[in-house]
Amino acid sequence: MNIYKTMLAVLFVGGLTITLSACEQQGPLEEAGEEIDDSVEDTGDAIEDKTDG
Protein backbone atom coordinates (compact mmCIF):
# COMPACT_ATOMS: atom_id res chain seq x y z
CA MET A 1 0.00 0.00 0.00
CA ASN A 2 2.85 2.42 0.78
CA ILE A 3 4.39 1.92 -2.65
CA TYR A 4 1.18 3.14 -4.28
CA LYS A 5 1.14 6.29 -2.17
CA THR A 6 4.79 6.91 -2.96
CA MET A 7 4.24 6.41 -6.69
CA LEU A 8 1.21 8.68 -6.61
CA ALA A 9 3.19 11.40 -4.83
CA VAL A 10 6.05 11.11 -7.33
CA LEU A 11 3.64 11.35 -10.27
CA PHE A 12 1.86 14.33 -8.73
CA VAL A 13 5.09 16.24 -8.08
CA GLY A 14 6.40 15.34 -11.53
CA GLY A 15 3.22 16.53 -13.20
CA LEU A 16 3.23 19.73 -11.21
CA THR A 17 6.85 20.37 -12.14
CA ILE A 18 6.19 19.83 -15.84
CA THR A 19 3.11 22.04 -15.73
CA LEU A 20 4.90 24.91 -14.00
CA SER A 21 7.96 24.71 -16.24
CA ALA A 22 5.76 24.79 -19.34
CA CYS A 23 4.26 28.12 -18.22
CA GLU A 24 7.50 30.08 -18.21
CA GLN A 25 7.35 31.43 -21.75
CA GLN A 26 4.27 32.97 -23.27
CA GLY A 27 3.46 32.89 -26.92
CA PRO A 28 2.09 35.82 -28.88
CA LEU A 29 -1.51 34.64 -28.52
CA GLU A 30 -1.20 34.39 -24.74
CA GLU A 31 0.25 37.90 -24.59
CA ALA A 32 -2.56 39.23 -26.79
CA GLY A 33 -5.12 37.49 -24.60
CA GLU A 34 -3.66 39.07 -21.48
CA GLU A 35 -3.76 42.50 -23.12
CA ILE A 36 -7.43 41.98 -24.01
CA ASP A 37 -8.18 40.85 -20.46
CA ASP A 38 -6.46 43.93 -19.07
CA SER A 39 -8.38 46.21 -21.44
CA VAL A 40 -11.71 44.65 -20.53
CA GLU A 41 -10.90 44.93 -16.84
CA ASP A 42 -9.86 48.57 -17.20
CA THR A 43 -13.06 49.34 -19.13
CA GLY A 44 -15.15 47.64 -16.45
CA ASP A 45 -13.37 49.63 -13.74
CA ALA A 46 -13.97 52.88 -15.63
CA ILE A 47 -17.67 52.10 -16.06
CA GLU A 48 -17.93 51.19 -12.38
CA ASP A 49 -16.24 54.46 -11.38
CA LYS A 50 -18.63 56.50 -13.58
CA THR A 51 -21.75 54.81 -12.22
CA ASP A 52 -20.66 55.15 -8.59
CA GLY A 53 -20.26 58.89 -8.73
C-alpha atoms as a PDB file:
ATOM      1  CA  MET A   1       0.000   0.000   0.000  1.00  0.00           C
ATOM      2  CA  ASN A   2       2.847   2.416   0.782  1.00  0.00           C
ATOM      3  CA  ILE A   3       4.390   1.918  -2.646  1.00  0.00           C
ATOM      4  CA  TYR A   4       1.178   3.139  -4.285  1.00  0.00           C
ATOM      5  CA  LYS A   5       1.139   6.289  -2.171  1.00  0.00           C
ATOM      6  CA  THR A   6       4.787   6.912  -2.961  1.00  0.00           C
ATOM      7  CA  MET A   7       4.237   6.409  -6.685  1.00  0.00           C
ATOM      8  CA  LEU A   8       1.207   8.682  -6.607  1.00  0.00           C
ATOM      9  CA  ALA A   9       3.190  11.399  -4.827  1.00  0.00           C
ATOM     10  CA  VAL A  10       6.046  11.114  -7.331  1.00  0.00           C
ATOM     11  CA  LEU A  11       3.639  11.349 -10.265  1.00  0.00           C
ATOM     12  CA  PHE A  12       1.862  14.331  -8.729  1.00  0.00           C
ATOM     13  CA  VAL A  13       5.089  16.237  -8.075  1.00  0.00           C
ATOM     14  CA  GLY A  14       6.403  15.344 -11.532  1.00  0.00           C
ATOM     15  CA  GLY A  15       3.220  16.527 -13.203  1.00  0.00           C
ATOM     16  CA  LEU A  16       3.232  19.730 -11.213  1.00  0.00           C
ATOM     17  CA  THR A  17       6.855  20.367 -12.137  1.00  0.00           C
ATOM     18  CA  ILE A  18       6.189  19.826 -15.835  1.00  0.00           C
ATOM     19  CA  THR A  19       3.111  22.038 -15.725  1.00  0.00           C
ATOM     20  CA  LEU A  20       4.899  24.906 -14.004  1.00  0.00           C
ATOM     21  CA  SER A  21       7.962  24.714 -16.245  1.00  0.00           C
ATOM     22  CA  ALA A  22       5.762  24.794 -19.336  1.00  0.00           C
ATOM     23  CA  CYS A  23       4.260  28.118 -18.221  1.00  0.00           C
ATOM     24  CA  GLU A  24       7.500  30.085 -18.210  1.00  0.00           C
ATOM     25  CA  GLN A  25       7.349  31.426 -21.753  1.00  0.00           C
ATOM     26  CA  GLN A  26       4.266  32.970 -23.266  1.00  0.00           C
ATOM     27  CA  GLY A  27       3.456  32.885 -26.918  1.00  0.00           C
ATOM     28  CA  PRO A  28       2.090  35.825 -28.879  1.00  0.00           C
ATOM     29  CA  LEU A  29      -1.512  34.644 -28.521  1.00  0.00           C
ATOM     30  CA  GLU A  30      -1.198  34.392 -24.741  1.00  0.00           C
ATOM     31  CA  GLU A  31       0.250  37.900 -24.586  1.00  0.00           C
ATOM     32  CA  ALA A  32      -2.556  39.231 -26.792  1.00  0.00           C
ATOM     33  CA  GLY A  33      -5.116  37.493 -24.603  1.00  0.00           C
ATOM     34  CA  GLU A  34      -3.657  39.069 -21.484  1.00  0.00           C
ATOM     35  CA  GLU A  35      -3.761  42.497 -23.121  1.00  0.00           C
ATOM     36  CA  ILE A  36      -7.430  41.982 -24.006  1.00  0.00           C
ATOM     37  CA  ASP A  37      -8.176  40.845 -20.457  1.00  0.00           C
ATOM     38  CA  ASP A  38      -6.457  43.932 -19.067  1.00  0.00           C
ATOM     39  CA  SER A  39      -8.379  46.206 -21.438  1.00  0.00           C
ATOM     40  CA  VAL A  40     -11.715  44.654 -20.526  1.00  0.00           C
ATOM     41  CA  GLU A  41     -10.899  44.928 -16.836  1.00  0.00           C
ATOM     42  CA  ASP A  42      -9.858  48.571 -17.205  1.00  0.00           C
ATOM     43  CA  THR A  43     -13.057  49.337 -19.130  1.00  0.00           C
ATOM     44  CA  GLY A  44     -15.146  47.639 -16.453  1.00  0.00           C
ATOM     45  CA  ASP A  45     -13.370  49.631 -13.742  1.00  0.00           C
ATOM     46  CA  ALA A  46     -13.974  52.884 -15.635  1.00  0.00           C
ATOM     47  CA  ILE A  47     -17.671  52.101 -16.056  1.00  0.00           C
ATOM     48  CA  GLU A  48     -17.934  51.194 -12.385  1.00  0.00           C
ATOM     49  CA  ASP A  49     -16.239  54.461 -11.385  1.00  0.00           C
ATOM     50  CA  LYS A  50     -18.626  56.498 -13.583  1.00  0.00           C
ATOM     51  CA  THR A  51     -21.746  54.807 -12.220  1.00  0.00           C
ATOM     52  CA  ASP A  52     -20.659  55.149  -8.587  1.00  0.00           C
ATOM     53  CA  GLY A  53     -20.261  58.891  -8.732  1.00  0.00           C
END
